PDB file of N, CA and C in Angstrom:
ATOM      1  N   MET A   1      38.693  35.657  -4.592  1.00  0.00           N
ATOM      2  CA  MET A   1      37.324  35.953  -4.955  1.00  0.00           C
ATOM      3  C   MET A   1      37.297  37.072  -5.984  1.00  0.00           C
ATOM      4  N   ALA A   2      36.449  36.915  -7.008  1.00  0.00           N
ATOM      5  CA  ALA A   2      36.388  37.890  -8.090  1.00  0.00           C
ATOM      6  C   ALA A   2      35.620  39.123  -7.658  1.00  0.00           C
ATOM      7  N   THR A   3      36.101  40.258  -8.103  1.00  0.00           N
ATOM      8  CA  THR A   3      35.399  41.507  -7.806  1.00  0.00           C
ATOM      9  C   THR A   3      34.280  41.690  -8.821  1.00  0.00           C
ATOM     10  N   ASN A   4      33.429  42.676  -8.574  1.00  0.00           N
ATOM     11  CA  ASN A   4      32.324  42.957  -9.491  1.00  0.00           C
ATOM     12  C   ASN A   4      32.827  43.292 -10.888  1.00  0.00           C
ATOM     13  N   LYS A   5      33.917  44.028 -10.961  1.00  0.00           N
ATOM     14  CA  LYS A   5      34.466  44.416 -12.264  1.00  0.00           C
ATOM     15  C   LYS A   5      34.931  43.177 -13.028  1.00  0.00           C
ATOM     16  N   GLN A   6      35.554  42.225 -12.337  1.00  0.00           N
ATOM     17  CA  GLN A   6      36.003  41.005 -12.998  1.00  0.00           C
ATOM     18  C   GLN A   6      34.820  40.158 -13.451  1.00  0.00           C
ATOM     19  N   LYS A   7      33.765  40.109 -12.647  1.00  0.00           N
ATOM     20  CA  LYS A   7      32.585  39.330 -13.014  1.00  0.00           C
ATOM     21  C   LYS A   7      31.926  39.891 -14.264  1.00  0.00           C
ATOM     22  N   LYS A   8      31.850  41.213 -14.367  1.00  0.00           N
ATOM     23  CA  LYS A   8      31.221  41.836 -15.518  1.00  0.00           C
ATOM     24  C   LYS A   8      32.031  41.610 -16.786  1.00  0.00           C
ATOM     25  N   SER A   9      33.334  41.510 -16.671  1.00  0.00           N
ATOM     26  CA  SER A   9      34.162  41.346 -17.857  1.00  0.00           C
ATOM     27  C   SER A   9      34.159  39.907 -18.368  1.00  0.00           C
ATOM     28  N   GLN A  10      33.761  38.962 -17.524  1.00  0.00           N
ATOM     29  CA  GLN A  10      33.679  37.571 -17.958  1.00  0.00           C
ATOM     30  C   GLN A  10      32.379  37.370 -18.718  1.00  0.00           C
ATOM     31  N   LYS A  11      32.491  36.920 -19.952  1.00  0.00           N
ATOM     32  CA  LYS A  11      31.325  36.749 -20.803  1.00  0.00           C
ATOM     33  C   LYS A  11      30.811  35.322 -20.692  1.00  0.00           C
ATOM     34  N   ARG A  12      29.527  35.165 -20.404  1.00  0.00           N
ATOM     35  CA  ARG A  12      28.918  33.836 -20.353  1.00  0.00           C
ATOM     36  C   ARG A  12      28.685  33.364 -21.776  1.00  0.00           C
ATOM     37  N   LEU A  13      29.000  32.103 -22.017  1.00  0.00           N
ATOM     38  CA  LEU A  13      28.803  31.519 -23.333  1.00  0.00           C
ATOM     39  C   LEU A  13      28.044  30.208 -23.213  1.00  0.00           C
ATOM     40  N   PHE A  14      27.289  29.900 -24.249  1.00  0.00           N
ATOM     41  CA  PHE A  14      26.631  28.609 -24.362  1.00  0.00           C
ATOM     42  C   PHE A  14      26.847  28.149 -25.800  1.00  0.00           C
ATOM     43  N   SER A  15      27.438  26.993 -25.961  1.00  0.00           N
ATOM     44  CA  SER A  15      27.801  26.467 -27.284  1.00  0.00           C
ATOM     45  C   SER A  15      28.608  27.491 -28.084  1.00  0.00           C
ATOM     46  N   GLY A  16      29.458  28.221 -27.375  1.00  0.00           N
ATOM     47  CA  GLY A  16      30.329  29.196 -28.021  1.00  0.00           C
ATOM     48  C   GLY A  16      29.634  30.486 -28.420  1.00  0.00           C
ATOM     49  N   MET A  17      28.378  30.669 -27.980  1.00  0.00           N
ATOM     50  CA  MET A  17      27.623  31.863 -28.349  1.00  0.00           C
ATOM     51  C   MET A  17      27.288  32.694 -27.119  1.00  0.00           C
ATOM     52  N   SER A  18      27.258  33.996 -27.319  1.00  0.00           N
ATOM     53  CA  SER A  18      26.852  34.896 -26.249  1.00  0.00           C
ATOM     54  C   SER A  18      25.328  34.930 -26.176  1.00  0.00           C
ATOM     55  N   TYR A  19      24.829  35.588 -25.172  1.00  0.00           N
ATOM     56  CA  TYR A  19      23.383  35.722 -24.972  1.00  0.00           C
ATOM     57  C   TYR A  19      22.697  36.278 -26.217  1.00  0.00           C
ATOM     58  N   TRP A  20      23.242  37.349 -26.765  1.00  0.00           N
ATOM     59  CA  TRP A  20      22.611  37.998 -27.918  1.00  0.00           C
ATOM     60  C   TRP A  20      22.712  37.143 -29.175  1.00  0.00           C
ATOM     61  N   GLU A  21      23.775  36.389 -29.307  1.00  0.00           N
ATOM     62  CA  GLU A  21      23.903  35.485 -30.459  1.00  0.00           C
ATOM     63  C   GLU A  21      22.875  34.352 -30.388  1.00  0.00           C
ATOM     64  N   ILE A  22      22.638  33.845 -29.177  1.00  0.00           N
ATOM     65  CA  ILE A  22      21.632  32.789 -29.007  1.00  0.00           C
ATOM     66  C   ILE A  22      20.247  33.343 -29.302  1.00  0.00           C
ATOM     67  N   LYS A  23      19.951  34.547 -28.804  1.00  0.00           N
ATOM     68  CA  LYS A  23      18.656  35.172 -29.078  1.00  0.00           C
ATOM     69  C   LYS A  23      18.442  35.339 -30.582  1.00  0.00           C
ATOM     70  N   ARG A  24      19.443  35.786 -31.291  1.00  0.00           N
ATOM     71  CA  ARG A  24      19.356  35.974 -32.747  1.00  0.00           C
ATOM     72  C   ARG A  24      19.140  34.631 -33.440  1.00  0.00           C
ATOM     73  N   SER A  25      19.885  33.617 -33.007  1.00  0.00           N
ATOM     74  CA  SER A  25      19.730  32.278 -33.573  1.00  0.00           C
ATOM     75  C   SER A  25      18.319  31.745 -33.326  1.00  0.00           C
ATOM     76  N   ASN A  26      17.802  31.943 -32.119  1.00  0.00           N
ATOM     77  CA  ASN A  26      16.450  31.491 -31.793  1.00  0.00           C
ATOM     78  C   ASN A  26      15.422  32.131 -32.719  1.00  0.00           C
ATOM     79  N   SER A  27      15.556  33.418 -32.941  1.00  0.00           N
ATOM     80  CA  SER A  27      14.613  34.116 -33.812  1.00  0.00           C
ATOM     81  C   SER A  27      14.668  33.564 -35.233  1.00  0.00           C
ATOM     82  N   ASN A  28      15.866  33.377 -35.738  1.00  0.00           N
ATOM     83  CA  ASN A  28      16.028  32.867 -37.103  1.00  0.00           C
ATOM     84  C   ASN A  28      15.527  31.433 -37.228  1.00  0.00           C
ATOM     85  N   GLN A  29      15.902  30.583 -36.293  1.00  0.00           N
ATOM     86  CA  GLN A  29      15.534  29.174 -36.358  1.00  0.00           C
ATOM     87  C   GLN A  29      14.041  28.968 -36.108  1.00  0.00           C
ATOM     88  N   ARG A  30      13.473  29.758 -35.224  1.00  0.00           N
ATOM     89  CA  ARG A  30      12.052  29.640 -34.910  1.00  0.00           C
ATOM     90  C   ARG A  30      11.199  29.909 -36.148  1.00  0.00           C
ATOM     91  N   SER A  31      11.645  30.845 -36.983  1.00  0.00           N
ATOM     92  CA  SER A  31      10.878  31.175 -38.191  1.00  0.00           C
ATOM     93  C   SER A  31      10.871  30.011 -39.186  1.00  0.00           C
ATOM     94  N   LYS A  32      11.784  29.065 -39.048  1.00  0.00           N
ATOM     95  CA  LYS A  32      11.838  27.897 -39.930  1.00  0.00           C
ATOM     96  C   LYS A  32      10.858  26.804 -39.510  1.00  0.00           C
ATOM     97  N   LEU A  33      10.321  26.933 -38.296  1.00  0.00           N
ATOM     98  CA  LEU A  33       9.390  25.933 -37.787  1.00  0.00           C
ATOM     99  C   LEU A  33       7.990  26.169 -38.353  1.00  0.00           C
ATOM    100  N   PRO A  34       7.192  25.109 -38.460  1.00  0.00           N
ATOM    101  CA  PRO A  34       5.789  25.290 -38.852  1.00  0.00           C
ATOM    102  C   PRO A  34       5.067  26.171 -37.822  1.00  0.00           C
ATOM    103  N   LYS A  35       4.040  26.861 -38.262  1.00  0.00           N
ATOM    104  CA  LYS A  35       3.291  27.770 -37.386  1.00  0.00           C
ATOM    105  C   LYS A  35       2.750  27.051 -36.146  1.00  0.00           C
ATOM    106  N   GLU A  36       2.364  25.776 -36.309  1.00  0.00           N
ATOM    107  CA  GLU A  36       1.835  25.029 -35.167  1.00  0.00           C
ATOM    108  C   GLU A  36       2.899  24.869 -34.088  1.00  0.00           C
ATOM    109  N   ASP A  37       4.133  24.573 -34.497  1.00  0.00           N
ATOM    110  CA  ASP A  37       5.225  24.422 -33.528  1.00  0.00           C
ATOM    111  C   ASP A  37       5.564  25.749 -32.876  1.00  0.00           C
ATOM    112  N   GLN A  38       5.518  26.823 -33.647  1.00  0.00           N
ATOM    113  CA  GLN A  38       5.784  28.148 -33.081  1.00  0.00           C
ATOM    114  C   GLN A  38       4.741  28.479 -32.012  1.00  0.00           C
ATOM    115  N   ALA A  39       3.485  28.193 -32.309  1.00  0.00           N
ATOM    116  CA  ALA A  39       2.415  28.452 -31.342  1.00  0.00           C
ATOM    117  C   ALA A  39       2.576  27.558 -30.108  1.00  0.00           C
ATOM    118  N   TRP A  40       2.971  26.301 -30.321  1.00  0.00           N
ATOM    119  CA  TRP A  40       3.164  25.375 -29.208  1.00  0.00           C
ATOM    120  C   TRP A  40       4.251  25.888 -28.265  1.00  0.00           C
ATOM    121  N   LEU A  41       5.354  26.367 -28.829  1.00  0.00           N
ATOM    122  CA  LEU A  41       6.435  26.905 -27.998  1.00  0.00           C
ATOM    123  C   LEU A  41       5.919  28.043 -27.114  1.00  0.00           C
ATOM    124  N   GLU A  42       5.098  28.887 -27.697  1.00  0.00           N
ATOM    125  CA  GLU A  42       4.564  30.017 -26.944  1.00  0.00           C
ATOM    126  C   GLU A  42       3.633  29.553 -25.825  1.00  0.00           C
ATOM    127  N   THR A  43       2.759  28.602 -26.135  1.00  0.00           N
ATOM    128  CA  THR A  43       1.821  28.138 -25.107  1.00  0.00           C
ATOM    129  C   THR A  43       2.529  27.365 -23.995  1.00  0.00           C
ATOM    130  N   GLN A  44       3.668  26.772 -24.313  1.00  0.00           N
ATOM    131  CA  GLN A  44       4.425  26.035 -23.304  1.00  0.00           C
ATOM    132  C   GLN A  44       5.320  26.938 -22.461  1.00  0.00           C
ATOM    133  N   GLY A  45       5.326  28.227 -22.782  1.00  0.00           N
ATOM    134  CA  GLY A  45       6.060  29.182 -21.963  1.00  0.00           C
ATOM    135  C   GLY A  45       7.518  29.379 -22.343  1.00  0.00           C
ATOM    136  N   TYR A  46       7.920  28.912 -23.521  1.00  0.00           N
ATOM    137  CA  TYR A  46       9.300  29.152 -23.971  1.00  0.00           C
ATOM    138  C   TYR A  46       9.432  30.604 -24.374  1.00  0.00           C
ATOM    139  N   LYS A  47      10.443  31.280 -23.801  1.00  0.00           N
ATOM    140  CA  LYS A  47      10.639  32.703 -24.056  1.00  0.00           C
ATOM    141  C   LYS A  47      12.069  32.967 -24.514  1.00  0.00           C
ATOM    142  N   ASN A  48      12.216  34.035 -25.290  1.00  0.00           N
ATOM    143  CA  ASN A  48      13.524  34.412 -25.806  1.00  0.00           C
ATOM    144  C   ASN A  48      14.085  35.579 -24.995  1.00  0.00           C
ATOM    145  N   ALA A  49      13.922  35.505 -23.685  1.00  0.00           N
ATOM    146  CA  ALA A  49      14.442  36.538 -22.790  1.00  0.00           C
ATOM    147  C   ALA A  49      14.858  35.867 -21.484  1.00  0.00           C
ATOM    148  N   GLY A  50      16.021  36.245 -21.001  1.00  0.00           N
ATOM    149  CA  GLY A  50      16.559  35.636 -19.789  1.00  0.00           C
ATOM    150  C   GLY A  50      17.475  34.475 -20.142  1.00  0.00           C
ATOM    151  N   TRP A  51      18.615  34.432 -19.513  1.00  0.00           N
ATOM    152  CA  TRP A  51      19.659  33.465 -19.877  1.00  0.00           C
ATOM    153  C   TRP A  51      19.141  32.024 -19.922  1.00  0.00           C
ATOM    154  N   ASP A  52      18.506  31.569 -18.858  1.00  0.00           N
ATOM    155  CA  ASP A  52      18.032  30.187 -18.804  1.00  0.00           C
ATOM    156  C   ASP A  52      16.917  29.931 -19.823  1.00  0.00           C
ATOM    157  N   ASN A  53      16.020  30.907 -19.999  1.00  0.00           N
ATOM    158  CA  ASN A  53      14.936  30.766 -20.970  1.00  0.00           C
ATOM    159  C   ASN A  53      15.466  30.697 -22.399  1.00  0.00           C
ATOM    160  N   VAL A  54      16.439  31.516 -22.704  1.00  0.00           N
ATOM    161  CA  VAL A  54      17.022  31.556 -24.048  1.00  0.00           C
ATOM    162  C   VAL A  54      17.676  30.213 -24.382  1.00  0.00           C
ATOM    163  N   ILE A  55      18.371  29.645 -23.419  1.00  0.00           N
ATOM    164  CA  ILE A  55      19.031  28.349 -23.642  1.00  0.00           C
ATOM    165  C   ILE A  55      17.987  27.240 -23.816  1.00  0.00           C
ATOM    166  N   ALA A  56      16.963  27.245 -22.969  1.00  0.00           N
ATOM    167  CA  ALA A  56      15.908  26.230 -23.078  1.00  0.00           C
ATOM    168  C   ALA A  56      15.204  26.320 -24.433  1.00  0.00           C
ATOM    169  N   LEU A  57      14.926  27.538 -24.877  1.00  0.00           N
ATOM    170  CA  LEU A  57      14.284  27.737 -26.184  1.00  0.00           C
ATOM    171  C   LEU A  57      15.195  27.270 -27.310  1.00  0.00           C
ATOM    172  N   TYR A  58      16.474  27.584 -27.215  1.00  0.00           N
ATOM    173  CA  TYR A  58      17.456  27.167 -28.221  1.00  0.00           C
ATOM    174  C   TYR A  58      17.468  25.642 -28.362  1.00  0.00           C
ATOM    175  N   GLN A  59      17.492  24.958 -27.231  1.00  0.00           N
ATOM    176  CA  GLN A  59      17.534  23.495 -27.246  1.00  0.00           C
ATOM    177  C   GLN A  59      16.237  22.911 -27.800  1.00  0.00           C
ATOM    178  N   LYS A  60      15.091  23.470 -27.425  1.00  0.00           N
ATOM    179  CA  LYS A  60      13.801  22.951 -27.888  1.00  0.00           C
ATOM    180  C   LYS A  60      13.616  23.205 -29.383  1.00  0.00           C
ATOM    181  N   ILE A  61      14.017  24.361 -29.861  1.00  0.00           N
ATOM    182  CA  ILE A  61      13.906  24.660 -31.299  1.00  0.00           C
ATOM    183  C   ILE A  61      14.746  23.676 -32.099  1.00  0.00           C
ATOM    184  N   ASN A  62      15.966  23.440 -31.653  1.00  0.00           N
ATOM    185  CA  ASN A  62      16.826  22.495 -32.372  1.00  0.00           C
ATOM    186  C   ASN A  62      16.246  21.089 -32.346  1.00  0.00           C
ATOM    187  N   GLU A  63      15.658  20.702 -31.228  1.00  0.00           N
ATOM    188  CA  GLU A  63      15.014  19.385 -31.119  1.00  0.00           C
ATOM    189  C   GLU A  63      13.848  19.275 -32.112  1.00  0.00           C
ATOM    190  N   LEU A  64      13.024  20.318 -32.176  1.00  0.00           N
ATOM    191  CA  LEU A  64      11.885  20.314 -33.093  1.00  0.00           C
ATOM    192  C   LEU A  64      12.331  20.301 -34.558  1.00  0.00           C
ATOM    193  N   LEU A  65      13.392  21.042 -34.849  1.00  0.00           N
ATOM    194  CA  LEU A  65      13.891  21.061 -36.229  1.00  0.00           C
ATOM    195  C   LEU A  65      14.439  19.699 -36.644  1.00  0.00           C
ATOM    196  N   LEU A  66      15.049  18.987 -35.713  1.00  0.00           N
ATOM    197  CA  LEU A  66      15.554  17.650 -36.024  1.00  0.00           C
ATOM    198  C   LEU A  66      14.418  16.654 -36.211  1.00  0.00           C
ATOM    199  N   GLN A  67      13.345  16.818 -35.437  1.00  0.00           N
ATOM    200  CA  GLN A  67      12.211  15.901 -35.511  1.00  0.00           C
ATOM    201  C   GLN A  67      11.404  16.084 -36.784  1.00  0.00           C
ATOM    202  N   SER A  68      11.206  17.326 -37.184  1.00  0.00           N
ATOM    203  CA  SER A  68      10.326  17.588 -38.321  1.00  0.00           C
ATOM    204  C   SER A  68      11.134  17.752 -39.601  1.00  0.00           C
ATOM    205  N   ASP A  69      10.687  17.040 -40.608  1.00  0.00           N
ATOM    206  CA  ASP A  69      11.245  17.193 -41.940  1.00  0.00           C
ATOM    207  C   ASP A  69      10.111  17.721 -42.807  1.00  0.00           C
ATOM    208  N   PRO A  70      10.049  19.042 -43.000  1.00  0.00           N
ATOM    209  CA  PRO A  70       8.911  19.610 -43.700  1.00  0.00           C
ATOM    210  C   PRO A  70       8.724  19.048 -45.106  1.00  0.00           C
ATOM    211  N   ASN A  71       9.790  18.670 -45.778  1.00  0.00           N
ATOM    212  CA  ASN A  71       9.669  18.132 -47.136  1.00  0.00           C
ATOM    213  C   ASN A  71       9.247  16.674 -47.132  1.00  0.00           C
ATOM    214  N   GLY A  72       9.492  15.971 -46.044  1.00  0.00           N
ATOM    215  CA  GLY A  72       9.141  14.559 -45.971  1.00  0.00           C
ATOM    216  C   GLY A  72       7.645  14.335 -46.110  1.00  0.00           C
ATOM    217  N   ASP A  73       6.829  15.134 -45.432  1.00  0.00           N
ATOM    218  CA  ASP A  73       5.382  14.998 -45.518  1.00  0.00           C
ATOM    219  C   ASP A  73       4.886  15.309 -46.922  1.00  0.00           C
ATOM    220  N   ILE A  74       5.429  16.345 -47.515  1.00  0.00           N
ATOM    221  CA  ILE A  74       5.006  16.741 -48.848  1.00  0.00           C
ATOM    222  C   ILE A  74       5.346  15.643 -49.850  1.00  0.00           C
ATOM    223  N   ASP A  75       6.550  15.093 -49.769  1.00  0.00           N
ATOM    224  CA  ASP A  75       6.960  14.039 -50.685  1.00  0.00           C
ATOM    225  C   ASP A  75       6.044  12.825 -50.569  1.00  0.00           C
ATOM    226  N   GLU A  76       5.695  12.443 -49.352  1.00  0.00           N
ATOM    227  CA  GLU A  76       4.835  11.286 -49.147  1.00  0.00           C
ATOM    228  C   GLU A  76       3.444  11.536 -49.718  1.00  0.00           C
ATOM    229  N   LYS A  77       2.893  12.725 -49.497  1.00  0.00           N
ATOM    230  CA  LYS A  77       1.565  13.060 -50.026  1.00  0.00           C
ATOM    231  C   LYS A  77       1.570  13.048 -51.553  1.00  0.00           C
ATOM    232  N   LEU A  78       2.625  13.596 -52.147  1.00  0.00           N
ATOM    233  CA  LEU A  78       2.716  13.600 -53.604  1.00  0.00           C
ATOM    234  C   LEU A  78       2.824  12.188 -54.153  1.00  0.00           C
ATOM    235  N   PHE A  79       3.589  11.343 -53.486  1.00  0.00           N
ATOM    236  CA  PHE A  79       3.744   9.952 -53.928  1.00  0.00           C
ATOM    237  C   PHE A  79       2.401   9.223 -53.879  1.00  0.00           C
ATOM    238  N   LEU A  80       1.659   9.392 -52.775  1.00  0.00           N
ATOM    239  CA  LEU A  80       0.366   8.725 -52.641  1.00  0.00           C
ATOM    240  C   LEU A  80      -0.625   9.223 -53.691  1.00  0.00           C
ATOM    241  N   LYS A  81      -0.611  10.514 -53.971  1.00  0.00           N
ATOM    242  CA  LYS A  81      -1.502  11.064 -54.988  1.00  0.00           C
ATOM    243  C   LYS A  81      -1.144  10.521 -56.369  1.00  0.00           C
ATOM    244  N   ALA A  82       0.137  10.463 -56.683  1.00  0.00           N
ATOM    245  CA  ALA A  82       0.579   9.920 -57.975  1.00  0.00           C
ATOM    246  C   ALA A  82       0.201   8.448 -58.092  1.00  0.00           C
ATOM    247  N   ASP A  83       0.287   7.724 -56.997  1.00  0.00           N
ATOM    248  CA  ASP A  83      -0.070   6.309 -57.003  1.00  0.00           C
ATOM    249  C   ASP A  83      -1.565   6.133 -57.298  1.00  0.00           C
ATOM    250  N   ARG A  84      -2.404   6.964 -56.672  1.00  0.00           N
ATOM    251  CA  ARG A  84      -3.852   6.881 -56.925  1.00  0.00           C
ATOM    252  C   ARG A  84      -4.169   7.210 -58.381  1.00  0.00           C
ATOM    253  N   ILE A  85      -3.534   8.244 -58.912  1.00  0.00           N
ATOM    254  CA  ILE A  85      -3.764   8.627 -60.304  1.00  0.00           C
ATOM    255  C   ILE A  85      -3.307   7.512 -61.236  1.00  0.00           C
ATOM    256  N   GLY A  86      -2.154   6.957 -60.948  1.00  0.00           N
ATOM    257  CA  GLY A  86      -1.634   5.866 -61.775  1.00  0.00           C
ATOM    258  C   GLY A  86      -2.533   4.647 -61.758  1.00  0.00           C
ATOM    259  N   ASN A  87      -3.148   4.361 -60.617  1.00  0.00           N
ATOM    260  CA  ASN A  87      -4.038   3.201 -60.507  1.00  0.00           C
ATOM    261  C   ASN A  87      -5.275   3.336 -61.384  1.00  0.00           C
ATOM    262  N   LYS A  88      -5.696   4.550 -61.674  1.00  0.00           N
ATOM    263  CA  LYS A  88      -6.862   4.762 -62.531  1.00  0.00           C
ATOM    264  C   LYS A  88      -6.631   4.200 -63.939  1.00  0.00           C
ATOM    265  N   TYR A  89      -5.391   4.227 -64.371  1.00  0.00           N
ATOM    266  CA  TYR A  89      -5.077   3.856 -65.747  1.00  0.00           C
ATOM    267  C   TYR A  89      -4.545   2.435 -65.887  1.00  0.00           C
ATOM    268  N   LEU A  90      -4.465   1.707 -64.792  1.00  0.00           N
ATOM    269  CA  LEU A  90      -4.020   0.318 -64.862  1.00  0.00           C
ATOM    270  C   LEU A  90      -5.151  -0.560 -65.391  1.00  0.00           C
ATOM    271  N   PRO A  91      -4.814  -1.548 -66.211  1.00  0.00           N
ATOM    272  CA  PRO A  91      -5.841  -2.501 -66.642  1.00  0.00           C
ATOM    273  C   PRO A  91      -6.388  -3.245 -65.429  1.00  0.00           C
ATOM    274  N   VAL A  92      -7.601  -3.731 -65.507  1.00  0.00           N
ATOM    275  CA  VAL A  92      -8.298  -4.390 -64.402  1.00  0.00           C
ATOM    276  C   VAL A  92      -7.490  -5.569 -63.870  1.00  0.00           C
ATOM    277  N   GLN A  93      -6.790  -6.302 -64.738  1.00  0.00           N
ATOM    278  CA  GLN A  93      -6.036  -7.476 -64.297  1.00  0.00           C
ATOM    279  C   GLN A  93      -4.898  -7.137 -63.314  1.00  0.00           C
ATOM    280  N   PHE A  94      -4.414  -5.884 -63.286  1.00  0.00           N
ATOM    281  CA  PHE A  94      -3.322  -5.498 -62.395  1.00  0.00           C
ATOM    282  C   PHE A  94      -3.807  -4.869 -61.080  1.00  0.00           C
ATOM    283  N   LYS A  95      -5.098  -4.658 -60.974  1.00  0.00           N
ATOM    284  CA  LYS A  95      -5.619  -4.013 -59.764  1.00  0.00           C
ATOM    285  C   LYS A  95      -5.859  -5.001 -58.665  1.00  0.00           C
TER     286      LYS A  95
END
């Protein structure tokens, strides 16, 4: 059985990161999310304190980052706007 001193010297890791590294990653990655997602995380009770909470937040942030492609929406909106503008100048026979 491990003594208290041995338990303290064993460092807990998640995905090769310590508690403080995960907290730092969460802060950095969270800032990359849209404000709506950041607010949603807060209302859902995701916190960047406590081992289990930090891991849950880390996993949810990564899930949200994979789901959302911030440039994808912008590209689609620009394409649709360009299409509408282009249609204005098409001869009637092509409309």
